[in-house]
């Protein structure tokens, strides 16, 4: 996204949206970099890019 667009969002609403989006990923299968398949079982709300599989 363009940097100018981020300033137009309400930060509280954006946080709610991101949390809801991340919650929908729990239970989804993903392909890992070593070509194995994993299932997301938890997303750390403080570090959403480090999921537990």
N, C-alpha and C. Protein backbone atom coordinates (compact mmCIF):
# COMPACT_ATOMS: atom_id res chain seq x y z
N UNK A 1 0.84 -1.19 0.00
CA UNK A 1 0.00 0.00 0.00
C UNK A 1 0.88 1.25 0.00
N UNK A 2 0.32 2.26 -0.51
CA UNK A 2 1.02 3.54 -0.52
C UNK A 2 1.10 4.08 0.90
N UNK A 3 2.21 4.70 1.27
CA UNK A 3 2.39 5.22 2.63
C UNK A 3 1.31 6.22 3.02
N UNK A 4 0.84 7.01 2.08
CA UNK A 4 -0.19 8.02 2.37
C UNK A 4 -1.50 7.39 2.82
N UNK A 5 -1.77 6.19 2.36
CA UNK A 5 -3.03 5.53 2.70
C UNK A 5 -3.06 5.12 4.17
N UNK A 6 -1.92 4.69 4.74
CA UNK A 6 -1.89 4.24 6.13
C UNK A 6 -2.30 5.34 7.09
N UNK A 7 -1.98 6.58 6.82
CA UNK A 7 -2.33 7.69 7.70
C UNK A 7 -3.82 7.95 7.76
N UNK A 8 -4.59 7.40 6.82
CA UNK A 8 -6.03 7.64 6.76
C UNK A 8 -6.84 6.64 7.57
N UNK A 9 -6.19 5.59 8.07
CA UNK A 9 -6.89 4.56 8.83
C UNK A 9 -6.90 4.91 10.31
N UNK A 10 -7.98 4.52 10.98
CA UNK A 10 -8.08 4.63 12.43
C UNK A 10 -7.25 3.49 13.01
N UNK A 11 -6.19 3.77 13.78
CA UNK A 11 -5.31 2.70 14.29
C UNK A 11 -6.04 1.65 15.12
N UNK A 12 -7.03 2.05 15.91
CA UNK A 12 -7.77 1.08 16.73
C UNK A 12 -8.57 0.13 15.86
N UNK A 13 -9.20 0.67 14.83
CA UNK A 13 -10.00 -0.16 13.93
C UNK A 13 -9.08 -1.08 13.11
N UNK A 14 -7.94 -0.58 12.72
CA UNK A 14 -6.99 -1.38 11.97
C UNK A 14 -6.48 -2.55 12.81
N UNK A 15 -6.23 -2.32 14.08
CA UNK A 15 -5.77 -3.37 14.98
C UNK A 15 -6.84 -4.46 15.13
N UNK A 16 -8.10 -4.06 15.27
CA UNK A 16 -9.20 -5.02 15.36
C UNK A 16 -9.27 -5.85 14.08
N UNK A 17 -9.16 -5.18 12.94
CA UNK A 17 -9.20 -5.88 11.66
C UNK A 17 -8.07 -6.90 11.53
N UNK A 18 -6.87 -6.49 11.87
CA UNK A 18 -5.71 -7.39 11.77
C UNK A 18 -5.86 -8.57 12.71
N UNK A 19 -6.33 -8.33 13.93
CA UNK A 19 -6.53 -9.43 14.89
C UNK A 19 -7.56 -10.43 14.38
N UNK A 20 -8.65 -9.93 13.79
CA UNK A 20 -9.68 -10.82 13.25
C UNK A 20 -9.12 -11.60 12.07
N UNK A 21 -8.36 -10.93 11.22
CA UNK A 21 -7.77 -11.59 10.07
C UNK A 21 -6.81 -12.69 10.51
N UNK A 22 -5.97 -12.41 11.49
CA UNK A 22 -5.01 -13.40 11.97
C UNK A 22 -5.74 -14.58 12.61
N UNK A 23 -6.85 -14.32 13.29
CA UNK A 23 -7.62 -15.38 13.92
C UNK A 23 -8.20 -16.36 12.91
N UNK A 24 -8.48 -15.90 11.71
CA UNK A 24 -9.04 -16.79 10.69
C UNK A 24 -7.99 -17.76 10.15
N UNK A 25 -6.72 -17.48 10.40
CA UNK A 25 -5.65 -18.34 9.89
C UNK A 25 -5.41 -19.57 10.77
N UNK A 26 -5.88 -19.54 12.01
CA UNK A 26 -5.70 -20.69 12.90
C UNK A 26 -6.45 -21.89 12.32
N UNK A 27 -5.74 -23.00 12.22
CA UNK A 27 -6.33 -24.21 11.66
C UNK A 27 -6.05 -24.39 10.17
N UNK A 28 -5.46 -23.39 9.54
CA UNK A 28 -5.16 -23.48 8.10
C UNK A 28 -3.85 -24.22 7.89
N UNK A 29 -3.79 -24.96 6.78
CA UNK A 29 -2.56 -25.64 6.42
C UNK A 29 -1.69 -24.70 5.61
N UNK A 30 -0.38 -24.78 5.84
CA UNK A 30 0.59 -23.95 5.13
C UNK A 30 1.74 -24.81 4.66
N UNK A 31 2.39 -24.37 3.57
CA UNK A 31 3.58 -25.08 3.11
C UNK A 31 4.79 -24.34 3.64
N UNK A 32 5.67 -25.07 4.31
CA UNK A 32 6.86 -24.51 4.89
C UNK A 32 7.96 -24.38 3.84
N UNK A 33 9.02 -23.67 4.17
CA UNK A 33 10.11 -23.46 3.23
C UNK A 33 10.83 -24.76 2.87
N UNK A 34 10.69 -25.78 3.72
CA UNK A 34 11.32 -27.08 3.42
C UNK A 34 10.34 -28.02 2.71
N UNK A 35 9.25 -27.45 2.20
CA UNK A 35 8.22 -28.16 1.42
C UNK A 35 7.33 -29.07 2.25
N UNK A 36 7.45 -29.06 3.58
CA UNK A 36 6.54 -29.83 4.43
C UNK A 36 5.26 -29.03 4.63
N UNK A 37 4.19 -29.74 4.99
CA UNK A 37 2.91 -29.11 5.26
C UNK A 37 2.74 -29.01 6.78
N UNK A 38 2.31 -27.85 7.26
CA UNK A 38 2.05 -27.64 8.68
C UNK A 38 0.68 -27.03 8.87
N UNK A 39 0.15 -27.11 10.07
CA UNK A 39 -1.13 -26.51 10.41
C UNK A 39 -0.90 -25.47 11.49
N UNK A 40 -1.42 -24.29 11.29
CA UNK A 40 -1.27 -23.21 12.27
C UNK A 40 -2.20 -23.51 13.43
N UNK A 41 -1.65 -23.60 14.66
CA UNK A 41 -2.48 -23.90 15.82
C UNK A 41 -2.61 -22.71 16.77
N UNK A 42 -1.73 -21.72 16.63
CA UNK A 42 -1.81 -20.55 17.50
C UNK A 42 -1.02 -19.40 16.87
N UNK A 43 -1.50 -18.18 17.08
CA UNK A 43 -0.77 -16.99 16.65
C UNK A 43 -0.56 -16.12 17.87
N UNK A 44 0.68 -15.81 18.17
CA UNK A 44 1.01 -14.96 19.31
C UNK A 44 0.54 -13.53 19.00
N UNK A 45 -0.36 -12.96 19.80
CA UNK A 45 -0.86 -11.62 19.50
C UNK A 45 0.22 -10.54 19.60
N UNK A 46 1.30 -10.84 20.29
CA UNK A 46 2.38 -9.85 20.42
C UNK A 46 3.43 -10.00 19.33
N UNK A 47 3.47 -11.16 18.68
CA UNK A 47 4.39 -11.39 17.56
C UNK A 47 3.64 -12.22 16.51
N UNK A 48 2.74 -11.58 15.75
CA UNK A 48 1.88 -12.34 14.83
C UNK A 48 2.62 -13.02 13.69
N UNK A 49 3.85 -12.66 13.43
CA UNK A 49 4.59 -13.32 12.35
C UNK A 49 5.26 -14.61 12.81
N UNK A 50 5.24 -14.88 14.13
CA UNK A 50 5.82 -16.11 14.66
C UNK A 50 4.68 -17.00 15.14
N UNK A 51 4.18 -17.83 14.23
CA UNK A 51 3.04 -18.69 14.56
C UNK A 51 3.54 -20.01 15.13
N UNK A 52 2.65 -20.71 15.84
CA UNK A 52 2.97 -22.02 16.39
C UNK A 52 2.27 -23.06 15.54
N UNK A 53 3.06 -24.04 15.05
CA UNK A 53 2.52 -25.10 14.20
C UNK A 53 2.74 -26.43 14.85
